[in-house]
């Protein structure tokens, strides 16, 4: 059994064959999926997908690319919407300095609001961090000093210092198809340093398909390939990595039931 802890089933890439995609995931041993919010103002759409499938859950939050569009969304709004039984996480929120699609101050403000919601609800914050290691580490350290909150560093592609600080602060590290890319040796080396009780897997579908599907549309079934590479990287069997990452996912996504 595997869990795809991060996909985007509401994206247009999946609309025509969503039922088949979820069936293929189940056939590949992916028992549960978390479809991740990128805009609170589209939350009704993502919630409807989660409600339509017993093995699909969702988050509520604003992607850093959209941070300046949703500065009217308050921590209280996030907390209220997260009360729905299908909502198992806050986010994704964070900092993306690679694209800088939103002003950096808006990204930081949005991130802090999401952190406050995670702290209040006890739901994990799904963190997007790209080319922003120093500022992300500073914010996580500062906010953790105000009170602990659960979080995971999604689609990890940052440096070893952010991974270390994230783990020290109680966070989890999530590996995507990037782990399987030939040029991702640094990420595989970082994976070897992550405690086994802090690692999870995801697809970030429809993006970042792992080998041997690189360049094609990703989907939740393909998380099995990332899990296989993670198993090889840390020296365990595929069966062991399935058990490790599933137990970890159910621990951090504590609202998600065991099926």
C-alpha atoms as a PDB file:
ATOM      1  CA  UNK A   1       0.000   0.000   0.000  1.00  0.00           C
ATOM      2  CA  UNK A   2       1.206   3.467  -0.943  1.00  0.00           C
ATOM      3  CA  UNK A   3      -0.212   6.944  -0.436  1.00  0.00           C
ATOM      4  CA  UNK A   4       0.212   9.732  -2.976  1.00  0.00           C
ATOM      5  CA  UNK A   5       0.427  12.625  -0.538  1.00  0.00           C
ATOM      6  CA  UNK A   6       0.373  15.358  -3.193  1.00  0.00           C
ATOM      7  CA  UNK A   7      -1.422  15.478  -6.524  1.00  0.00           C
ATOM      8  CA  UNK A   8      -3.714  17.915  -8.327  1.00  0.00           C
ATOM      9  CA  UNK A   9      -6.765  15.962  -9.460  1.00  0.00           C
ATOM     10  CA  UNK A  10      -8.673  19.184 -10.140  1.00  0.00           C
ATOM     11  CA  UNK A  11      -6.300  20.239 -12.923  1.00  0.00           C
ATOM     12  CA  UNK A  12      -7.673  20.129 -16.495  1.00  0.00           C
ATOM     13  CA  UNK A  13      -5.158  17.399 -17.431  1.00  0.00           C
ATOM     14  CA  UNK A  14      -7.278  14.883 -15.504  1.00  0.00           C
ATOM     15  CA  UNK A  15     -10.821  16.045 -16.147  1.00  0.00           C
ATOM     16  CA  UNK A  16     -11.638  13.707 -19.026  1.00  0.00           C
ATOM     17  CA  UNK A  17     -10.495  10.500 -17.306  1.00  0.00           C
ATOM     18  CA  UNK A  18     -10.452  11.116 -13.574  1.00  0.00           C
ATOM     19  CA  UNK A  19     -12.271   7.851 -12.795  1.00  0.00           C
ATOM     20  CA  UNK A  20      -9.761   5.831 -14.818  1.00  0.00           C
ATOM     21  CA  UNK A  21      -6.804   7.605 -13.185  1.00  0.00           C
ATOM     22  CA  UNK A  22      -8.064   6.763  -9.722  1.00  0.00           C
ATOM     23  CA  UNK A  23      -8.689   3.160 -10.797  1.00  0.00           C
ATOM     24  CA  UNK A  24      -5.151   2.874 -12.151  1.00  0.00           C
ATOM     25  CA  UNK A  25      -3.796   4.230  -8.900  1.00  0.00           C
ATOM     26  CA  UNK A  26      -5.648   1.562  -6.930  1.00  0.00           C
ATOM     27  CA  UNK A  27      -4.345  -1.131  -9.303  1.00  0.00           C
ATOM     28  CA  UNK A  28      -0.793   0.114  -8.646  1.00  0.00           C
ATOM     29  CA  UNK A  29      -1.278  -0.209  -4.885  1.00  0.00           C
ATOM     30  CA  UNK A  30      -1.966   3.473  -4.215  1.00  0.00           C
ATOM     31  CA  UNK A  31      -4.711   3.213  -1.653  1.00  0.00           C
ATOM     32  CA  UNK A  32      -5.194   6.901  -0.853  1.00  0.00           C
ATOM     33  CA  UNK A  33      -4.489  10.259  -2.473  1.00  0.00           C
ATOM     34  CA  UNK A  34      -4.421  13.843  -1.251  1.00  0.00           C
ATOM     35  CA  UNK A  35      -5.408  16.363  -3.907  1.00  0.00           C
ATOM     36  CA  UNK A  36      -3.868  19.684  -3.040  1.00  0.00           C
ATOM     37  CA  UNK A  37      -5.436  23.133  -3.130  1.00  0.00           C
ATOM     38  CA  UNK A  38      -3.703  25.970  -4.970  1.00  0.00           C
ATOM     39  CA  UNK A  39      -6.483  28.576  -4.683  1.00  0.00           C
ATOM     40  CA  UNK A  40      -8.952  28.847  -1.817  1.00  0.00           C
ATOM     41  CA  UNK A  41     -11.361  30.505  -4.227  1.00  0.00           C
ATOM     42  CA  UNK A  42     -11.511  27.190  -6.119  1.00  0.00           C
ATOM     43  CA  UNK A  43     -11.900  25.129  -2.973  1.00  0.00           C
ATOM     44  CA  UNK A  44     -15.446  24.027  -3.843  1.00  0.00           C
ATOM     45  CA  UNK A  45     -14.109  22.293  -6.950  1.00  0.00           C
ATOM     46  CA  UNK A  46     -11.387  20.397  -5.150  1.00  0.00           C
ATOM     47  CA  UNK A  47     -13.695  19.454  -2.278  1.00  0.00           C
ATOM     48  CA  UNK A  48     -16.249  18.046  -4.721  1.00  0.00           C
ATOM     49  CA  UNK A  49     -13.578  15.738  -6.153  1.00  0.00           C
ATOM     50  CA  UNK A  50     -12.587  14.548  -2.674  1.00  0.00           C
ATOM     51  CA  UNK A  51     -16.216  13.931  -1.781  1.00  0.00           C
ATOM     52  CA  UNK A  52     -16.758  11.906  -4.955  1.00  0.00           C
ATOM     53  CA  UNK A  53     -14.132   9.256  -4.127  1.00  0.00           C
ATOM     54  CA  UNK A  54     -13.790   7.477  -0.774  1.00  0.00           C
ATOM     55  CA  UNK A  55      -9.988   7.185  -1.109  1.00  0.00           C
ATOM     56  CA  UNK A  56      -9.341  10.835  -2.076  1.00  0.00           C
ATOM     57  CA  UNK A  57      -8.797  13.608   0.466  1.00  0.00           C
ATOM     58  CA  UNK A  58      -7.827  17.241   0.041  1.00  0.00           C
ATOM     59  CA  UNK A  59      -6.203  20.331   1.499  1.00  0.00           C
ATOM     60  CA  UNK A  60      -7.223  23.973   1.619  1.00  0.00           C
ATOM     61  CA  UNK A  61      -4.789  26.772   0.848  1.00  0.00           C
ATOM     62  CA  UNK A  62      -3.133  29.171  -1.575  1.00  0.00           C
ATOM     63  CA  UNK A  63      -0.058  28.361  -3.650  1.00  0.00           C
ATOM     64  CA  UNK A  64       2.676  31.010  -3.396  1.00  0.00           C
ATOM     65  CA  UNK A  65       2.235  31.769  -7.116  1.00  0.00           C
ATOM     66  CA  UNK A  66      -1.261  33.008  -6.234  1.00  0.00           C
ATOM     67  CA  UNK A  67      -0.467  34.614  -2.884  1.00  0.00           C
ATOM     68  CA  UNK A  68      -1.180  38.207  -3.906  1.00  0.00           C
ATOM     69  CA  UNK A  69      -4.557  37.174  -5.371  1.00  0.00           C
ATOM     70  CA  UNK A  70      -5.791  35.780  -2.054  1.00  0.00           C
ATOM     71  CA  UNK A  71      -4.550  38.132   0.628  1.00  0.00           C
ATOM     72  CA  UNK A  72      -8.202  38.558   1.573  1.00  0.00           C
ATOM     73  CA  UNK A  73      -8.219  34.910   2.733  1.00  0.00           C
ATOM     74  CA  UNK A  74      -7.641  34.936   6.480  1.00  0.00           C
ATOM     75  CA  UNK A  75      -6.341  32.336   8.880  1.00  0.00           C
ATOM     76  CA  UNK A  76      -9.889  32.119  10.210  1.00  0.00           C
ATOM     77  CA  UNK A  77     -11.149  31.282   6.710  1.00  0.00           C
ATOM     78  CA  UNK A  78      -8.619  28.462   6.408  1.00  0.00           C
ATOM     79  CA  UNK A  79      -9.532  27.085   9.826  1.00  0.00           C
ATOM     80  CA  UNK A  80     -13.256  27.191   9.045  1.00  0.00           C
ATOM     81  CA  UNK A  81     -12.922  25.442   5.690  1.00  0.00           C
ATOM     82  CA  UNK A  82     -10.574  22.826   7.097  1.00  0.00           C
ATOM     83  CA  UNK A  83     -13.267  21.538   9.439  1.00  0.00           C
ATOM     84  CA  UNK A  84     -14.760  19.456   6.621  1.00  0.00           C
ATOM     85  CA  UNK A  85     -14.085  15.716   7.173  1.00  0.00           C
ATOM     86  CA  UNK A  86     -12.347  15.387   3.807  1.00  0.00           C
ATOM     87  CA  UNK A  87      -9.848  18.177   4.469  1.00  0.00           C
ATOM     88  CA  UNK A  88      -6.682  16.649   5.926  1.00  0.00           C
ATOM     89  CA  UNK A  89      -4.105  19.420   5.384  1.00  0.00           C
ATOM     90  CA  UNK A  90      -3.481  23.143   5.036  1.00  0.00           C
ATOM     91  CA  UNK A  91      -1.787  24.515   1.907  1.00  0.00           C
ATOM     92  CA  UNK A  92       0.041  24.323  -0.288  1.00  0.00           C
ATOM     93  CA  UNK A  93       1.671  27.573   0.744  1.00  0.00           C
ATOM     94  CA  UNK A  94       5.249  28.750   0.795  1.00  0.00           C
ATOM     95  CA  UNK A  95       7.922  30.661  -1.068  1.00  0.00           C
ATOM     96  CA  UNK A  96       8.859  30.366  -4.736  1.00  0.00           C
ATOM     97  CA  UNK A  97      11.696  32.653  -5.756  1.00  0.00           C
ATOM     98  CA  UNK A  98      12.418  30.693  -8.935  1.00  0.00           C
ATOM     99  CA  UNK A  99       9.396  32.073 -10.768  1.00  0.00           C
ATOM    100  CA  UNK A 100       8.537  35.006  -8.462  1.00  0.00           C
ATOM    101  CA  UNK A 101       4.982  34.972  -9.798  1.00  0.00           C
ATOM    102  CA  UNK A 102       3.815  36.848  -6.711  1.00  0.00           C
ATOM    103  CA  UNK A 103       5.598  39.553  -4.676  1.00  0.00           C
ATOM    104  CA  UNK A 104       7.823  37.996  -2.041  1.00  0.00           C
ATOM    105  CA  UNK A 105       6.194  39.911   0.806  1.00  0.00           C
ATOM    106  CA  UNK A 106       2.790  38.548  -0.245  1.00  0.00           C
ATOM    107  CA  UNK A 107       4.196  35.016  -0.338  1.00  0.00           C
ATOM    108  CA  UNK A 108       5.622  35.406   3.161  1.00  0.00           C
ATOM    109  CA  UNK A 109       2.408  36.871   4.531  1.00  0.00           C
ATOM    110  CA  UNK A 110       0.368  34.059   3.030  1.00  0.00           C
ATOM    111  CA  UNK A 111       2.783  31.468   4.404  1.00  0.00           C
ATOM    112  CA  UNK A 112       2.515  32.860   7.926  1.00  0.00           C
ATOM    113  CA  UNK A 113      -1.288  32.800   7.763  1.00  0.00           C
ATOM    114  CA  UNK A 114      -1.194  29.165   6.706  1.00  0.00           C
ATOM    115  CA  UNK A 115       1.261  28.366   9.501  1.00  0.00           C
ATOM    116  CA  UNK A 116      -1.147  29.902  11.998  1.00  0.00           C
ATOM    117  CA  UNK A 117      -3.958  27.754  10.602  1.00  0.00           C
ATOM    118  CA  UNK A 118      -1.831  24.608  10.859  1.00  0.00           C
ATOM    119  CA  UNK A 119      -0.924  25.491  14.431  1.00  0.00           C
ATOM    120  CA  UNK A 120      -4.569  26.083  15.375  1.00  0.00           C
ATOM    121  CA  UNK A 121      -6.040  23.028  13.653  1.00  0.00           C
ATOM    122  CA  UNK A 122      -3.210  20.546  14.112  1.00  0.00           C
ATOM    123  CA  UNK A 123      -3.419  19.745  10.394  1.00  0.00           C
ATOM    124  CA  UNK A 124      -0.119  19.519   8.524  1.00  0.00           C
ATOM    125  CA  UNK A 125       0.992  22.454   6.418  1.00  0.00           C
ATOM    126  CA  UNK A 126       2.046  21.426   2.911  1.00  0.00           C
ATOM    127  CA  UNK A 127       5.000  23.681   2.144  1.00  0.00           C
ATOM    128  CA  UNK A 128       6.150  24.673  -1.335  1.00  0.00           C
ATOM    129  CA  UNK A 129       9.729  25.949  -1.265  1.00  0.00           C
ATOM    130  CA  UNK A 130      11.771  26.661  -4.363  1.00  0.00           C
ATOM    131  CA  UNK A 131      14.964  28.708  -4.561  1.00  0.00           C
ATOM    132  CA  UNK A 132      14.123  30.205  -1.171  1.00  0.00           C
ATOM    133  CA  UNK A 133      16.003  28.022   1.312  1.00  0.00           C
ATOM    134  CA  UNK A 134      17.338  30.746   3.584  1.00  0.00           C
ATOM    135  CA  UNK A 135      14.075  32.666   3.940  1.00  0.00           C
ATOM    136  CA  UNK A 136      12.071  29.465   4.359  1.00  0.00           C
ATOM    137  CA  UNK A 137      14.403  28.211   7.089  1.00  0.00           C
ATOM    138  CA  UNK A 138      14.187  31.575   8.844  1.00  0.00           C
ATOM    139  CA  UNK A 139      10.392  31.692   8.766  1.00  0.00           C
ATOM    140  CA  UNK A 140      10.001  28.078   9.892  1.00  0.00           C
ATOM    141  CA  UNK A 141      12.439  28.646  12.758  1.00  0.00           C
ATOM    142  CA  UNK A 142      10.806  31.891  13.835  1.00  0.00           C
ATOM    143  CA  UNK A 143       7.259  30.534  13.631  1.00  0.00           C
ATOM    144  CA  UNK A 144       8.168  27.302  15.413  1.00  0.00           C
ATOM    145  CA  UNK A 145       9.388  29.487  18.267  1.00  0.00           C
ATOM    146  CA  UNK A 146       5.828  30.814  18.618  1.00  0.00           C
ATOM    147  CA  UNK A 147       4.427  27.293  18.927  1.00  0.00           C
ATOM    148  CA  UNK A 148       4.904  24.013  17.138  1.00  0.00           C
ATOM    149  CA  UNK A 149       2.903  23.136  14.030  1.00  0.00           C
ATOM    150  CA  UNK A 150       2.996  20.048  11.800  1.00  0.00           C
ATOM    151  CA  UNK A 151       4.450  20.506   8.324  1.00  0.00           C
ATOM    152  CA  UNK A 152       6.032  18.765   5.381  1.00  0.00           C
ATOM    153  CA  UNK A 153       8.440  20.030   2.748  1.00  0.00           C
ATOM    154  CA  UNK A 154       6.678  18.910  -0.396  1.00  0.00           C
ATOM    155  CA  UNK A 155       8.410  17.863  -3.639  1.00  0.00           C
ATOM    156  CA  UNK A 156      11.760  18.331  -1.995  1.00  0.00           C
ATOM    157  CA  UNK A 157      14.316  19.931  -4.317  1.00  0.00           C
ATOM    158  CA  UNK A 158      16.137  22.199  -1.862  1.00  0.00           C
ATOM    159  CA  UNK A 159      19.521  21.899  -0.218  1.00  0.00           C
ATOM    160  CA  UNK A 160      20.677  19.779   2.720  1.00  0.00           C
ATOM    161  CA  UNK A 161      20.470  22.641   5.229  1.00  0.00           C
ATOM    162  CA  UNK A 162      16.730  23.162   4.718  1.00  0.00           C
ATOM    163  CA  UNK A 163      16.150  19.411   4.974  1.00  0.00           C
ATOM    164  CA  UNK A 164      18.092  19.281   8.224  1.00  0.00           C
ATOM    165  CA  UNK A 165      16.346  22.317   9.731  1.00  0.00           C
ATOM    166  CA  UNK A 166      12.950  21.020   8.650  1.00  0.00           C
ATOM    167  CA  UNK A 167      13.543  17.685  10.360  1.00  0.00           C
ATOM    168  CA  UNK A 168      14.957  19.358  13.480  1.00  0.00           C
ATOM    169  CA  UNK A 169      11.778  21.426  13.741  1.00  0.00           C
ATOM    170  CA  UNK A 170       9.639  18.291  13.542  1.00  0.00           C
ATOM    171  CA  UNK A 171       8.828  18.375   9.840  1.00  0.00           C
ATOM    172  CA  UNK A 172       8.641  15.666   7.204  1.00  0.00           C
ATOM    173  CA  UNK A 173      10.310  15.550   3.786  1.00  0.00           C
ATOM    174  CA  UNK A 174       8.330  14.458   0.740  1.00  0.00           C
ATOM    175  CA  UNK A 175      10.016  13.045  -2.355  1.00  0.00           C
ATOM    176  CA  UNK A 176       8.572  13.284  -5.856  1.00  0.00           C
ATOM    177  CA  UNK A 177       9.613  12.022  -9.271  1.00  0.00           C
ATOM    178  CA  UNK A 178      12.582  14.411  -9.109  1.00  0.00           C
ATOM    179  CA  UNK A 179      14.255  11.776  -6.928  1.00  0.00           C
ATOM    180  CA  UNK A 180      14.406   9.443  -9.940  1.00  0.00           C
ATOM    181  CA  UNK A 181      16.020  11.875 -12.384  1.00  0.00           C
ATOM    182  CA  UNK A 182      19.622  11.067 -13.372  1.00  0.00           C
ATOM    183  CA  UNK A 183      20.872  14.536 -12.398  1.00  0.00           C
ATOM    184  CA  UNK A 184      19.232  14.399  -8.949  1.00  0.00           C
ATOM    185  CA  UNK A 185      22.072  12.695  -7.089  1.00  0.00           C
ATOM    186  CA  UNK A 186      22.136  15.501  -4.521  1.00  0.00           C
ATOM    187  CA  UNK A 187      18.467  14.830  -3.689  1.00  0.00           C
ATOM    188  CA  UNK A 188      19.184  11.112  -3.359  1.00  0.00           C
ATOM    189  CA  UNK A 189      22.118  11.922  -1.074  1.00  0.00           C
ATOM    190  CA  UNK A 190      19.826  14.097   1.055  1.00  0.00           C
ATOM    191  CA  UNK A 191      17.259  11.285   1.179  1.00  0.00           C
ATOM    192  CA  UNK A 192      19.891   9.073   2.818  1.00  0.00           C
ATOM    193  CA  UNK A 193      20.129  11.584   5.689  1.00  0.00           C
ATOM    194  CA  UNK A 194      16.393  11.801   6.410  1.00  0.00           C
ATOM    195  CA  UNK A 195      15.195   9.731   9.377  1.00  0.00           C
ATOM    196  CA  UNK A 196      13.045   6.893   8.166  1.00  0.00           C
ATOM    197  CA  UNK A 197      10.113   8.098  10.241  1.00  0.00           C
ATOM    198  CA  UNK A 198      10.114  11.470   8.436  1.00  0.00           C
ATOM    199  CA  UNK A 199      10.007  10.538   4.729  1.00  0.00           C
ATOM    200  CA  UNK A 200       6.951  10.330   2.499  1.00  0.00           C
ATOM    201  CA  UNK A 201       6.328  10.109  -1.257  1.00  0.00           C
ATOM    202  CA  UNK A 202       4.180  12.000  -3.734  1.00  0.00           C
ATOM    203  CA  UNK A 203       3.686  12.606  -7.435  1.00  0.00           C
ATOM    204  CA  UNK A 204       2.816  16.317  -7.713  1.00  0.00           C
ATOM    205  CA  UNK A 205       0.800  15.036 -10.681  1.00  0.00           C
ATOM    206  CA  UNK A 206       0.310  16.061 -13.421  1.00  0.00           C
ATOM    207  CA  UNK A 207       3.883  17.346 -13.131  1.00  0.00           C
ATOM    208  CA  UNK A 208       7.284  15.661 -12.680  1.00  0.00           C
ATOM    209  CA  UNK A 209       6.593  12.135 -13.878  1.00  0.00           C
ATOM    210  CA  UNK A 210       9.305   9.767 -12.603  1.00  0.00           C
ATOM    211  CA  UNK A 211      11.429   7.525 -14.753  1.00  0.00           C
ATOM    212  CA  UNK A 212      10.442   5.704 -16.938  1.00  0.00           C
ATOM    213  CA  UNK A 213       7.608   8.158 -17.687  1.00  0.00           C
ATOM    214  CA  UNK A 214       9.606  11.381 -17.590  1.00  0.00           C
ATOM    215  CA  UNK A 215       8.259  13.928 -20.061  1.00  0.00           C
ATOM    216  CA  UNK A 216       4.761  12.460 -19.950  1.00  0.00           C
ATOM    217  CA  UNK A 217       1.819  13.494 -17.844  1.00  0.00           C
ATOM    218  CA  UNK A 218       2.237  12.258 -14.299  1.00  0.00           C
ATOM    219  CA  UNK A 219      -0.528  10.512 -12.365  1.00  0.00           C
ATOM    220  CA  UNK A 220      -0.921   9.029  -8.857  1.00  0.00           C
ATOM    221  CA  UNK A 221      -0.179   5.451  -9.971  1.00  0.00           C
ATOM    222  CA  UNK A 222       3.370   6.512 -10.794  1.00  0.00           C
ATOM    223  CA  UNK A 223       4.215   7.199  -7.143  1.00  0.00           C
ATOM    224  CA  UNK A 224       5.190   3.521  -7.023  1.00  0.00           C
ATOM    225  CA  UNK A 225       8.221   4.279  -9.214  1.00  0.00           C
ATOM    226  CA  UNK A 226       9.398   7.064  -6.918  1.00  0.00           C
ATOM    227  CA  UNK A 227       8.958   4.746  -3.945  1.00  0.00           C
ATOM    228  CA  UNK A 228      11.100   2.097  -5.648  1.00  0.00           C
ATOM    229  CA  UNK A 229      13.953   4.557  -6.172  1.00  0.00           C
ATOM    230  CA  UNK A 230      13.659   5.785  -2.595  1.00  0.00           C
ATOM    231  CA  UNK A 231      13.853   2.175  -1.403  1.00  0.00           C
ATOM    232  CA  UNK A 232      16.967   1.571  -3.471  1.00  0.00           C
ATOM    233  CA  UNK A 233      18.499   4.844  -2.274  1.00  0.00           C
ATOM    234  CA  UNK A 234      18.197   4.057   1.425  1.00  0.00           C
ATOM    235  CA  UNK A 235      18.783   0.317   1.075  1.00  0.00           C
ATOM    236  CA  UNK A 236      15.431  -1.258   1.852  1.00  0.00           C
ATOM    237  CA  UNK A 237      12.977  -3.359  -0.140  1.00  0.00           C
ATOM    238  CA  UNK A 238      10.014  -1.878  -2.035  1.00  0.00           C
ATOM    239  CA  UNK A 239       7.722  -3.565   0.476  1.00  0.00           C
ATOM    240  CA  UNK A 240       9.558  -1.901   3.357  1.00  0.00           C
ATOM    241  CA  UNK A 241       9.450   1.556   1.780  1.00  0.00           C
ATOM    242  CA  UNK A 242       5.722   1.152   1.190  1.00  0.00           C
ATOM    243  CA  UNK A 243       5.238   0.376   4.866  1.00  0.00           C
ATOM    244  CA  UNK A 244       7.560   3.167   6.012  1.00  0.00           C
ATOM    245  CA  UNK A 245       6.071   5.916   3.860  1.00  0.00           C
ATOM    246  CA  UNK A 246       2.466   4.853   4.428  1.00  0.00           C
ATOM    247  CA  UNK A 247       2.855   4.821   8.202  1.00  0.00           C
ATOM    248  CA  UNK A 248       4.548   8.210   8.042  1.00  0.00           C
ATOM    249  CA  UNK A 249       1.818   9.643   5.819  1.00  0.00           C
ATOM    250  CA  UNK A 250      -0.925   8.410   8.117  1.00  0.00           C
ATOM    251  CA  UNK A 251       0.936   9.881  11.086  1.00  0.00           C
ATOM    252  CA  UNK A 252       1.309  13.375   9.684  1.00  0.00           C
ATOM    253  CA  UNK A 253      -2.053  13.356   7.866  1.00  0.00           C
ATOM    254  CA  UNK A 254      -3.604  12.236  11.116  1.00  0.00           C
ATOM    255  CA  UNK A 255      -7.138  13.112  10.046  1.00  0.00           C
ATOM    256  CA  UNK A 256      -6.989  10.683   7.132  1.00  0.00           C
ATOM    257  CA  UNK A 257      -8.528   7.338   8.099  1.00  0.00           C
ATOM    258  CA  UNK A 258      -6.843   3.998   7.611  1.00  0.00           C
ATOM    259  CA  UNK A 259      -8.634   2.183   4.801  1.00  0.00           C
END
